Amino acid sequence: MSFKLLKYIILVFFTVLVIPKELLANEIKVIRAFESNEKTRIVFDMAQLPKYQVGLAANKLSYEVRIKEIDNPRKKLAKIAIKKNSVINGVKRGMRTNEVVYIFSLKKKVTPVTFALKANNSAGPRLVIDFPNNTKQEISNLAQNDRQVTKEVSNINELEAALFDDLNSESDSKTPAANVESRLAAPEPPKPTHNKKKNLHTYRIVIDPGHGGKDPGALGKRGLKEKVVTFGVSKALVDYINSDPNMRGYLTRTRDKFIELGERSEIARKYKADLLISIHADSAANSRAQGASILVLSNQRANRENSKLEKNKHKQKELLSGAGEVISGNANNNPYFASMILDLTSDHARTEGYKLAQEILKSMGKSIHLHRSSPIHRSLAVLKAPDIPSLLIETGFLSNADEERLLRTAKYQREVAYLIYKGLKEYVRKNPILIKEDIQEGNAVYYLAKKGDSLSKIAQMHGLSVNELKRLNNLKSNIVRIGQRFLVKEAQ
């Protein structure tokens, strides 16, 4: 054996030893599903570009996907649910050494298309399978034309992501769900008061009852429609909001009416909303899945919506929070200036939406079971407004027999509404609306008194009691001097 050959063998040996484990085997991170009228798309998010093999049964009613060199084939993944109008009838999963096998049973004879995609700026490596819902649809050419495949796949981000993955997996809550009988027997939540007196500066909160009209939403096994649950919870929530001197509540719909997803944030904008909350009830293939979850807008969807707005000057002028006025008042009409304002506005809205979601989850988690204890980022049309902090609340699973029983009752709907309101109340307390005399220093807010001010007036403007205002400022006297500085919000 020559010295050069020996050196080469030693080099290869040590190279193999130091290769990171993740380079020797792949991993399936998440499985997602997307629906459209034309097809069902299944996406496997991978750690690396996958090695795979596919096979279509002779009768074209079964499709096998074998993903090779998987490091942990026994890893439990979130389940996917398939809508009734999909050509997919069911999914089975099997394992072999370093392989995972998925077998899709089909309702009719179709020819699926499978292809792998390299990582890009918005997503990692993926294995994509398209199942045409219409047998006449010709998509097989996609696999033969790289440009067509790239163009087709770039549109995946424009599809509304169904909640098939995370919300169908096991709950991350450490608190077991209470027995349904004890939950039904729990005391009634407090009734909203009829306080017509509002403070000078109030939060305008729009509540969106999900679905409605021709769109019933999810359907429980005992026939409960999601649109009925969402309307009941939303009406009760607006009653609680309107009983609070620091909030005003509005509904996107006041009857069983269908509203397009994109229109809901536009309705909120017409009400000059400070916050938008969409109410829903989930359904999953996993009948054991239960509990509430809150969804907020993903960064990717926010960036896409901002890109659209950069090209639409008319929509820019309609933006709230002063963004529209700032953009339209820019004398040079500089597109980079508009882009900067949109990004700042969008970042602020998503930050506040996340903070609000955390407060509501904290409130709900004290009394009802949570499916997810942290907000989930999702690409949802109802959350797309860049100028309004928005979130979507899944109040429970209609596919779970116990939660369907609970959500059917007006009492439990009021309980959910009351817990959401308590989270809102805490958020409003921590984040009072700033007025022009307010000065923000870090997380603390100060008010400079002007002519005609009194302690009661300053307290009312900031949603405080006089005693709270005096405590914050260590005051023993009720005298107010012009220019006097008052702490109206403590640093968190």
Protein backbone atom coordinates (compact mmCIF):
# COMPACT_ATOMS: atom_id res chain seq x y z
CA MET A 1 0.00 0.00 0.00
CA SER A 2 1.45 3.36 -0.99
CA PHE A 3 1.91 6.19 1.49
CA LYS A 4 -0.45 8.44 -0.49
CA LEU A 5 -3.20 5.82 -0.42
CA LEU A 6 -2.72 5.23 3.31
CA LYS A 7 -2.89 8.99 3.96
CA TYR A 8 -6.08 9.19 1.89
CA ILE A 9 -7.74 6.34 3.85
CA ILE A 10 -6.77 7.94 7.18
CA LEU A 11 -8.11 11.30 5.99
CA VAL A 12 -11.44 9.74 4.94
CA PHE A 13 -11.67 7.85 8.25
CA PHE A 14 -11.19 10.97 10.38
CA THR A 15 -13.46 12.99 8.10
CA VAL A 16 -16.29 10.54 8.75
CA LEU A 17 -15.62 10.73 12.49
CA VAL A 18 -15.99 14.50 12.61
CA ILE A 19 -18.97 14.85 10.27
CA PRO A 20 -21.85 16.17 12.38
CA LYS A 21 -24.61 13.64 12.96
CA GLU A 22 -27.19 15.86 11.27
CA LEU A 23 -25.26 15.57 7.98
CA LEU A 24 -25.44 11.78 8.05
CA ALA A 25 -29.19 11.52 8.44
CA ASN A 26 -32.23 13.64 7.75
CA GLU A 27 -35.20 14.61 9.90
CA ILE A 28 -38.86 15.37 9.25
CA LYS A 29 -39.58 18.53 11.24
CA VAL A 30 -43.23 19.26 10.47
CA ILE A 31 -45.96 17.97 8.16
CA ARG A 32 -48.37 20.55 6.75
CA ALA A 33 -51.44 20.43 4.52
CA PHE A 34 -52.91 23.08 2.22
CA GLU A 35 -56.25 23.00 0.47
CA SER A 36 -57.55 24.66 -2.68
CA ASN A 37 -60.36 23.81 -5.09
CA GLU A 38 -57.85 22.24 -7.47
CA LYS A 39 -55.68 20.17 -5.17
CA THR A 40 -54.52 19.08 -1.73
CA ARG A 41 -50.86 19.82 -1.07
CA ILE A 42 -48.89 17.90 1.57
CA VAL A 43 -45.59 19.46 2.64
CA PHE A 44 -42.86 17.73 4.67
CA ASP A 45 -40.51 20.32 6.16
CA MET A 46 -37.09 18.64 6.32
CA ALA A 47 -33.75 19.29 7.98
CA GLN A 48 -32.04 18.57 4.64
CA LEU A 49 -33.03 18.02 1.04
CA PRO A 50 -34.78 14.62 1.24
CA LYS A 51 -34.02 11.33 -0.47
CA TYR A 52 -37.29 9.65 -1.30
CA GLN A 53 -39.09 7.08 -3.40
CA VAL A 54 -42.74 7.09 -4.47
CA GLY A 55 -45.08 4.49 -5.90
CA LEU A 56 -48.63 4.64 -7.26
CA ALA A 57 -50.74 1.49 -7.03
CA ALA A 58 -51.93 -0.08 -10.28
CA ASN A 59 -55.51 0.97 -9.54
CA LYS A 60 -54.30 4.54 -8.79
CA LEU A 61 -56.16 4.53 -5.46
CA SER A 62 -53.11 4.33 -3.21
CA TYR A 63 -49.90 6.37 -3.20
CA GLU A 64 -46.81 5.41 -1.20
CA VAL A 65 -44.10 7.88 -0.22
CA ARG A 66 -40.91 6.44 1.27
CA ILE A 67 -38.57 9.03 2.88
CA LYS A 68 -35.07 7.61 3.37
CA GLU A 69 -32.14 8.17 5.74
CA ILE A 70 -34.29 9.50 8.59
CA ASP A 71 -32.37 9.78 11.84
CA ASN A 72 -35.35 9.17 14.17
CA PRO A 73 -38.20 7.45 12.30
CA ARG A 74 -40.10 6.92 15.57
CA LYS A 75 -40.33 10.66 16.25
CA LYS A 76 -43.94 11.67 16.87
CA LEU A 77 -45.18 14.35 14.51
CA ALA A 78 -48.26 16.50 14.59
CA LYS A 79 -51.13 14.83 12.77
CA ILE A 80 -52.69 16.32 9.68
CA ALA A 81 -56.40 16.51 9.03
CA ILE A 82 -57.84 16.35 5.54
CA LYS A 83 -60.98 18.21 4.50
CA LYS A 84 -63.95 16.24 3.18
CA ASN A 85 -63.66 17.64 -0.34
CA SER A 86 -60.08 16.38 -0.68
CA VAL A 87 -59.25 13.44 -2.93
CA ILE A 88 -57.28 11.96 0.01
CA ASN A 89 -59.36 9.43 1.92
CA GLY A 90 -56.87 8.64 4.68
CA VAL A 91 -53.19 8.45 5.67
CA LYS A 92 -51.23 5.60 7.25
CA ARG A 93 -47.70 5.81 8.59
CA GLY A 94 -45.10 3.06 8.86
CA MET A 95 -41.45 2.80 9.87
CA ARG A 96 -38.42 0.85 8.80
CA THR A 97 -34.78 1.26 9.81
CA ASN A 98 -33.95 4.88 8.94
CA GLU A 99 -37.07 5.14 6.77
CA VAL A 100 -40.58 6.53 7.19
CA VAL A 101 -43.37 5.40 4.89
CA TYR A 102 -46.63 7.28 4.30
CA ILE A 103 -49.46 5.60 2.39
CA PHE A 104 -52.21 7.88 1.12
CA SER A 105 -55.49 6.16 0.22
CA LEU A 106 -57.42 8.02 -2.49
CA LYS A 107 -61.11 8.42 -3.25
CA LYS A 108 -60.61 8.32 -7.02
CA LYS A 109 -57.96 7.60 -9.60
CA VAL A 110 -55.47 10.46 -9.80
CA THR A 111 -51.76 10.85 -10.48
CA PRO A 112 -50.03 12.79 -7.67
CA VAL A 113 -46.88 14.81 -8.32
CA THR A 114 -43.99 14.74 -5.83
CA PHE A 115 -40.91 16.98 -5.86
CA ALA A 116 -38.23 18.25 -3.48
CA LEU A 117 -37.34 21.91 -2.97
CA LYS A 118 -34.11 23.43 -1.76
CA ALA A 119 -34.09 25.91 1.13
CA ASN A 120 -34.75 29.56 0.30
CA ASN A 121 -35.13 32.82 2.23
CA SER A 122 -38.61 31.95 3.51
CA ALA A 123 -38.47 28.18 4.08
CA GLY A 124 -36.13 25.24 4.58
CA PRO A 125 -35.83 22.10 2.45
CA ARG A 126 -39.20 20.50 1.66
CA LEU A 127 -40.77 17.45 0.10
CA VAL A 128 -44.01 18.46 -1.63
CA ILE A 129 -46.84 16.22 -2.86
CA ASP A 130 -49.73 17.58 -4.94
CA PHE A 131 -52.91 15.49 -5.07
CA PRO A 132 -55.24 16.89 -7.78
CA ASN A 133 -58.85 16.97 -6.57
CA ASN A 134 -60.03 17.00 -10.19
CA THR A 135 -58.98 14.00 -12.28
CA LYS A 136 -59.05 16.16 -15.43
CA GLN A 137 -56.46 18.52 -14.04
CA GLU A 138 -53.11 18.02 -15.74
CA ILE A 139 -50.26 18.85 -13.38
CA SER A 140 -47.80 16.05 -14.13
CA ASN A 141 -45.85 18.37 -16.43
CA LEU A 142 -44.72 20.28 -13.35
CA ALA A 143 -42.32 17.51 -12.48
CA GLN A 144 -40.74 17.76 -15.94
CA ASN A 145 -40.24 21.53 -16.01
CA ASP A 146 -38.15 23.16 -13.29
CA ARG A 147 -39.38 26.64 -14.12
CA GLN A 148 -43.00 25.57 -13.85
CA VAL A 149 -42.33 23.79 -10.59
CA THR A 150 -40.63 26.87 -9.14
CA LYS A 151 -43.47 29.12 -10.28
CA GLU A 152 -46.12 26.77 -8.88
CA VAL A 153 -44.40 26.37 -5.54
CA SER A 154 -43.84 30.10 -5.13
CA ASN A 155 -47.63 30.38 -4.90
CA ILE A 156 -47.77 28.14 -1.83
CA ASN A 157 -47.30 31.19 0.38
CA GLU A 158 -50.42 32.74 -1.11
CA LEU A 159 -52.59 29.85 0.08
CA GLU A 160 -54.33 30.21 3.43
CA ALA A 161 -52.55 27.78 5.76
CA ALA A 162 -55.11 25.48 7.36
CA LEU A 163 -54.49 24.62 11.00
CA PHE A 164 -53.75 20.99 10.23
CA ASP A 165 -50.43 20.56 11.97
CA ASP A 166 -49.81 22.18 15.35
CA LEU A 167 -53.41 22.26 16.55
CA ASN A 168 -53.93 18.54 15.91
CA SER A 169 -50.98 17.42 17.99
CA GLU A 170 -50.97 16.67 21.68
CA SER A 171 -51.43 19.59 24.04
CA ASP A 172 -48.41 21.22 25.66
CA SER A 173 -50.47 22.17 28.72
CA LYS A 174 -49.20 20.78 32.02
CA THR A 175 -52.62 21.13 33.62
CA PRO A 176 -55.02 18.23 32.92
CA ALA A 177 -58.46 19.15 31.64
CA ALA A 178 -61.12 19.16 34.35
CA ASN A 179 -63.96 16.66 34.23
CA VAL A 180 -66.68 17.93 31.89
CA GLU A 181 -69.40 17.48 34.51
CA SER A 182 -67.54 19.64 37.02
CA ARG A 183 -66.96 22.27 34.35
CA LEU A 184 -70.64 22.34 33.48
CA ALA A 185 -71.48 22.66 37.18
CA ALA A 186 -69.04 25.54 37.78
CA PRO A 187 -70.50 28.87 39.00
CA GLU A 188 -71.80 31.35 36.44
CA PRO A 189 -69.26 34.00 35.41
CA PRO A 190 -70.02 37.53 36.65
CA LYS A 191 -72.62 39.41 34.65
CA PRO A 192 -71.44 42.49 32.74
CA THR A 193 -72.47 45.78 34.31
CA HIS A 194 -74.23 48.50 32.34
CA ASN A 195 -71.65 51.24 32.81
CA LYS A 196 -72.44 53.90 30.20
CA LYS A 197 -69.86 56.38 31.52
CA LYS A 198 -66.65 56.08 29.52
CA ASN A 199 -63.23 57.57 30.14
CA LEU A 200 -62.03 60.26 27.76
CA HIS A 201 -59.67 57.87 25.97
CA THR A 202 -60.88 54.33 25.36
CA TYR A 203 -59.63 51.31 23.43
CA ARG A 204 -61.79 50.56 20.39
CA ILE A 205 -61.92 46.77 20.12
CA VAL A 206 -63.51 44.93 17.21
CA ILE A 207 -64.63 41.35 17.82
CA ASP A 208 -65.01 39.13 14.77
CA PRO A 209 -67.34 36.09 15.12
CA GLY A 210 -65.67 33.59 12.78
CA HIS A 211 -67.54 32.11 9.81
CA GLY A 212 -71.28 32.84 9.41
CA GLY A 213 -74.03 32.57 6.82
CA LYS A 214 -73.22 30.03 4.11
CA ASP A 215 -69.97 29.16 5.92
CA PRO A 216 -70.82 27.12 9.06
CA GLY A 217 -67.18 26.46 9.95
CA ALA A 218 -66.29 23.28 11.83
CA LEU A 219 -69.05 20.82 12.72
CA GLY A 220 -69.14 18.84 15.96
CA LYS A 221 -70.10 15.16 15.99
CA ARG A 222 -73.41 16.11 17.59
CA GLY A 223 -74.07 18.78 15.00
CA LEU A 224 -72.86 21.94 16.75
CA LYS A 225 -71.77 24.52 14.16
CA GLU A 226 -68.72 26.66 14.73
CA LYS A 227 -70.52 29.82 13.55
CA VAL A 228 -73.04 29.41 16.40
CA VAL A 229 -70.28 29.14 19.02
CA THR A 230 -68.31 32.09 17.67
CA PHE A 231 -71.36 34.35 17.62
CA GLY A 232 -72.36 33.42 21.18
CA VAL A 233 -68.87 34.02 22.59
CA SER A 234 -68.43 37.25 20.58
CA LYS A 235 -71.71 38.80 21.72
CA ALA A 236 -70.94 38.00 25.36
CA LEU A 237 -67.40 39.39 24.98
CA VAL A 238 -68.66 42.69 23.52
CA ASP A 239 -71.08 42.99 26.45
CA TYR A 240 -68.17 42.67 28.89
CA ILE A 241 -66.05 45.12 26.89
CA ASN A 242 -68.81 47.74 26.79
CA SER A 243 -69.25 47.45 30.56
CA ASP A 244 -65.68 48.67 31.01
CA PRO A 245 -65.03 52.45 31.14
CA ASN A 246 -61.73 52.01 29.25
CA MET A 247 -63.05 50.03 26.26
CA ARG A 248 -65.63 50.14 23.47
CA GLY A 249 -66.60 46.96 21.65
CA TYR A 250 -67.91 46.38 18.12
CA LEU A 251 -68.86 43.27 16.10
CA THR A 252 -67.90 42.63 12.49
CA ARG A 253 -71.32 40.98 12.07
CA THR A 254 -74.47 41.24 14.17
CA ARG A 255 -76.34 38.38 12.52
CA ASP A 256 -75.75 35.07 10.76
CA LYS A 257 -74.03 36.61 7.75
CA PHE A 258 -71.08 35.53 5.62
CA ILE A 259 -68.17 37.98 5.39
CA GLU A 260 -65.08 37.36 3.29
CA LEU A 261 -61.89 36.92 5.34
CA GLY A 262 -60.17 39.92 3.78
CA GLU A 263 -63.15 42.18 4.58
CA ARG A 264 -63.01 41.60 8.33
CA SER A 265 -59.89 43.69 8.92
CA GLU A 266 -61.39 46.37 6.65
CA ILE A 267 -64.47 46.51 8.91
CA ALA A 268 -62.16 46.88 11.91
CA ARG A 269 -60.40 49.76 10.16
CA LYS A 270 -63.74 51.52 9.55
CA TYR A 271 -64.37 51.39 13.31
CA LYS A 272 -60.83 52.84 13.82
CA ALA A 273 -60.02 49.75 15.87
CA ASP A 274 -57.12 49.65 18.29
CA LEU A 275 -57.42 45.85 18.52
CA LEU A 276 -59.03 43.09 16.43
CA ILE A 277 -59.93 39.69 17.90
CA SER A 278 -61.39 36.90 15.75
CA ILE A 279 -63.25 34.15 17.62
CA HIS A 280 -63.21 30.54 16.38
CA ALA A 281 -63.68 26.93 17.51
CA ASP A 282 -61.34 24.28 16.14
CA SER A 283 -61.75 20.75 14.80
CA ALA A 284 -59.14 18.01 14.42
CA ALA A 285 -58.75 14.45 13.20
CA ASN A 286 -57.42 13.65 16.66
CA SER A 287 -60.61 13.52 18.77
CA ARG A 288 -58.55 13.74 21.98
CA ALA A 289 -57.23 17.19 21.07
CA GLN A 290 -58.80 19.81 23.33
CA GLY A 291 -58.26 23.25 24.82
CA ALA A 292 -57.93 26.84 23.71
CA SER A 293 -55.19 28.34 21.52
CA ILE A 294 -54.35 31.82 20.25
CA LEU A 295 -52.87 32.56 16.84
CA VAL A 296 -50.97 35.67 15.76
CA LEU A 297 -49.68 36.77 12.37
CA SER A 298 -46.47 35.19 11.08
CA ASN A 299 -43.56 37.38 9.97
CA GLN A 300 -43.69 35.93 6.45
CA ARG A 301 -47.35 36.86 5.95
CA ALA A 302 -46.73 40.33 7.38
CA ASN A 303 -43.89 40.91 4.92
CA ARG A 304 -46.07 39.83 1.99
CA GLU A 305 -48.92 42.13 3.04
CA ASN A 306 -46.50 45.05 3.44
CA SER A 307 -45.13 44.41 -0.05
CA LYS A 308 -48.65 44.61 -1.47
CA LEU A 309 -49.36 47.84 0.39
CA GLU A 310 -46.17 49.46 -0.88
CA LYS A 311 -47.74 49.33 -4.37
CA ASN A 312 -51.20 50.53 -3.29
CA LYS A 313 -51.19 54.25 -2.43
CA HIS A 314 -54.96 54.33 -1.88
CA LYS A 315 -54.76 51.62 0.79
CA GLN A 316 -51.79 53.35 2.41
CA LYS A 317 -53.92 56.44 3.09
CA GLU A 318 -56.49 54.31 4.96
CA LEU A 319 -53.99 52.98 7.50
CA LEU A 320 -54.66 53.76 11.17
CA SER A 321 -52.35 54.75 14.03
CA GLY A 322 -51.22 57.81 12.08
CA ALA A 323 -49.32 55.73 9.51
CA GLY A 324 -51.63 56.73 6.65
CA GLU A 325 -51.31 60.43 7.45
CA VAL A 326 -47.52 60.23 7.70
CA ILE A 327 -47.18 58.40 4.36
CA SER A 328 -49.65 60.61 2.46
CA GLY A 329 -48.06 63.75 3.98
CA ASN A 330 -44.65 62.85 2.64
CA ALA A 331 -44.08 65.58 0.07
CA ASN A 332 -41.52 63.64 -1.93
CA ASN A 333 -43.78 60.58 -2.11
CA ASN A 334 -40.69 58.45 -1.52
CA PRO A 335 -41.48 54.70 -1.78
CA TYR A 336 -38.61 53.86 0.59
CA PHE A 337 -40.11 56.20 3.17
CA ALA A 338 -43.50 54.46 2.81
CA SER A 339 -41.82 51.07 3.14
CA MET A 340 -40.05 52.16 6.35
CA ILE A 341 -43.30 53.45 7.92
CA LEU A 342 -45.15 50.28 6.92
CA ASP A 343 -42.46 48.09 8.49
CA LEU A 344 -42.46 50.12 11.71
CA THR A 345 -46.26 50.07 11.91
CA SER A 346 -46.46 46.35 11.16
CA ASP A 347 -43.76 45.47 13.69
CA HIS A 348 -45.58 47.47 16.36
CA ALA A 349 -48.94 45.83 15.55
CA ARG A 350 -47.49 42.31 15.72
CA THR A 351 -45.62 43.06 18.95
CA GLU A 352 -48.77 44.39 20.61
CA GLY A 353 -50.85 41.50 19.25
CA TYR A 354 -48.39 39.04 20.78
CA LYS A 355 -48.45 40.86 24.13
CA LEU A 356 -52.26 40.83 24.12
CA ALA A 357 -52.31 37.11 23.27
CA GLN A 358 -50.02 36.39 26.22
CA GLU A 359 -52.32 38.27 28.63
CA ILE A 360 -55.41 36.43 27.37
CA LEU A 361 -53.70 33.03 27.54
CA LYS A 362 -52.62 33.80 31.08
CA SER A 363 -56.22 34.67 31.99
CA MET A 364 -57.79 31.69 30.22
CA GLY A 365 -55.23 29.27 31.61
CA LYS A 366 -56.36 29.97 35.17
CA SER A 367 -59.82 28.49 34.57
CA ILE A 368 -59.96 26.46 31.34
CA HIS A 369 -57.68 24.00 29.61
CA LEU A 370 -55.18 25.38 27.09
CA HIS A 371 -54.09 23.42 24.06
CA ARG A 372 -51.19 25.79 23.48
CA SER A 373 -49.77 27.88 26.32
CA SER A 374 -47.94 30.28 23.97
CA PRO A 375 -49.21 32.20 20.92
CA ILE A 376 -48.87 30.37 17.58
CA HIS A 377 -47.62 32.23 14.50
CA ARG A 378 -49.75 31.60 11.42
CA SER A 379 -50.46 33.02 7.96
CA LEU A 380 -54.14 33.96 8.29
CA ALA A 381 -56.04 36.52 6.22
CA VAL A 382 -58.10 37.80 9.15
CA LEU A 383 -54.89 38.85 10.93
CA LYS A 384 -53.24 40.62 8.00
CA ALA A 385 -53.93 44.30 8.90
CA PRO A 386 -50.48 45.89 9.40
CA ASP A 387 -51.87 48.77 11.45
CA ILE A 388 -54.14 46.86 13.88
CA PRO A 389 -52.86 44.41 16.52
CA SER A 390 -54.85 41.28 15.67
CA LEU A 391 -55.23 37.76 16.97
CA LEU A 392 -57.40 34.69 16.48
CA ILE A 393 -58.69 32.72 19.45
CA GLU A 394 -59.58 29.03 19.11
CA THR A 395 -61.97 28.56 22.04
CA GLY A 396 -61.83 24.76 21.96
CA PHE A 397 -62.26 21.69 19.76
CA LEU A 398 -65.70 20.78 18.41
CA SER A 399 -64.18 17.44 17.41
CA ASN A 400 -63.77 16.66 21.12
CA ALA A 401 -67.03 15.32 22.58
CA ASP A 402 -66.55 16.99 25.97
CA GLU A 403 -65.67 20.40 24.54
CA GLU A 404 -68.58 20.24 22.11
CA ARG A 405 -70.89 19.73 25.12
CA LEU A 406 -69.31 22.69 26.88
CA LEU A 407 -69.29 25.05 23.91
CA ARG A 408 -72.94 24.27 23.20
CA THR A 409 -73.96 25.98 26.47
CA ALA A 410 -74.44 29.74 26.74
CA LYS A 411 -72.94 29.57 30.23
CA TYR A 412 -69.60 28.21 29.03
CA GLN A 413 -69.58 30.64 26.11
CA ARG A 414 -69.94 33.48 28.64
CA GLU A 415 -67.16 31.99 30.78
CA VAL A 416 -64.78 31.95 27.80
CA ALA A 417 -65.81 35.51 26.93
CA TYR A 418 -65.24 36.68 30.51
CA LEU A 419 -61.73 35.18 30.61
CA ILE A 420 -60.84 36.84 27.31
CA TYR A 421 -62.17 40.13 28.70
CA LYS A 422 -60.03 39.79 31.85
CA GLY A 423 -56.95 39.35 29.66
CA LEU A 424 -57.97 42.40 27.64
CA LYS A 425 -58.49 44.40 30.81
CA GLU A 426 -54.99 43.56 32.04
CA TYR A 427 -53.46 44.48 28.69
CA VAL A 428 -55.31 47.84 28.67
CA ARG A 429 -54.18 48.52 32.23
CA LYS A 430 -50.55 47.92 31.30
CA ASN A 431 -50.80 49.78 27.99
CA PRO A 432 -52.96 52.89 28.39
CA ILE A 433 -53.62 54.92 25.25
CA LEU A 434 -51.13 57.78 25.05
CA ILE A 435 -52.39 61.33 24.56
CA LYS A 436 -50.41 64.30 23.30
CA GLU A 437 -49.45 65.47 26.81
CA ASP A 438 -47.99 62.04 27.63
CA ILE A 439 -44.25 61.46 27.65
CA GLN A 440 -42.90 57.93 27.35
CA GLU A 441 -39.57 57.16 29.01
CA GLY A 442 -38.65 53.53 28.54
CA ASN A 443 -41.73 51.57 29.58
CA ALA A 444 -42.94 54.30 31.96
CA VAL A 445 -45.39 57.04 30.90
CA TYR A 446 -45.67 60.53 32.39
CA TYR A 447 -48.33 63.22 31.93
CA LEU A 448 -47.71 66.96 31.97
CA ALA A 449 -50.62 68.81 33.57
CA LYS A 450 -52.23 71.69 31.71
CA LYS A 451 -54.68 74.43 32.65
CA GLY A 452 -57.98 73.08 33.99
CA ASP A 453 -56.62 69.66 35.01
CA SER A 454 -57.54 67.98 38.27
CA LEU A 455 -56.49 64.67 39.80
CA SER A 456 -59.83 63.10 38.89
CA LYS A 457 -59.59 64.31 35.27
CA ILE A 458 -56.00 63.06 34.86
CA ALA A 459 -56.92 59.72 36.43
CA GLN A 460 -59.97 59.34 34.17
CA MET A 461 -57.96 60.11 31.03
CA HIS A 462 -55.55 57.32 31.88
CA GLY A 463 -57.98 54.71 33.20
CA LEU A 464 -56.88 55.11 36.80
CA SER A 465 -58.63 55.86 40.05
CA VAL A 466 -57.60 58.96 41.97
CA ASN A 467 -56.14 56.75 44.71
CA GLU A 468 -54.05 54.85 42.15
CA LEU A 469 -52.76 58.13 40.69
CA LYS A 470 -51.84 59.43 44.13
CA ARG A 471 -50.11 56.16 45.02
CA LEU A 472 -48.04 56.19 41.82
CA ASN A 473 -46.84 59.73 42.57
CA ASN A 474 -46.66 59.57 46.38
CA LEU A 475 -49.13 62.46 46.62
CA LYS A 476 -50.75 63.64 49.84
CA SER A 477 -52.38 66.73 48.36
CA ASN A 478 -55.05 67.07 45.63
CA ILE A 479 -53.49 70.26 44.24
CA VAL A 480 -52.45 70.16 40.56
CA ARG A 481 -50.01 72.72 39.11
CA ILE A 482 -49.68 73.54 35.40
CA GLY A 483 -46.68 71.65 34.02
CA GLN A 484 -46.64 69.23 36.96
CA ARG A 485 -45.33 65.80 35.95
CA PHE A 486 -47.45 62.76 36.88
CA LEU A 487 -46.44 59.11 36.53
CA VAL A 488 -49.46 57.43 34.88
CA LYS A 489 -47.89 54.09 33.94
CA GLU A 490 -45.15 52.30 35.83
CA ALA A 491 -42.25 50.67 33.99
CA GLN A 492 -42.96 46.95 33.61
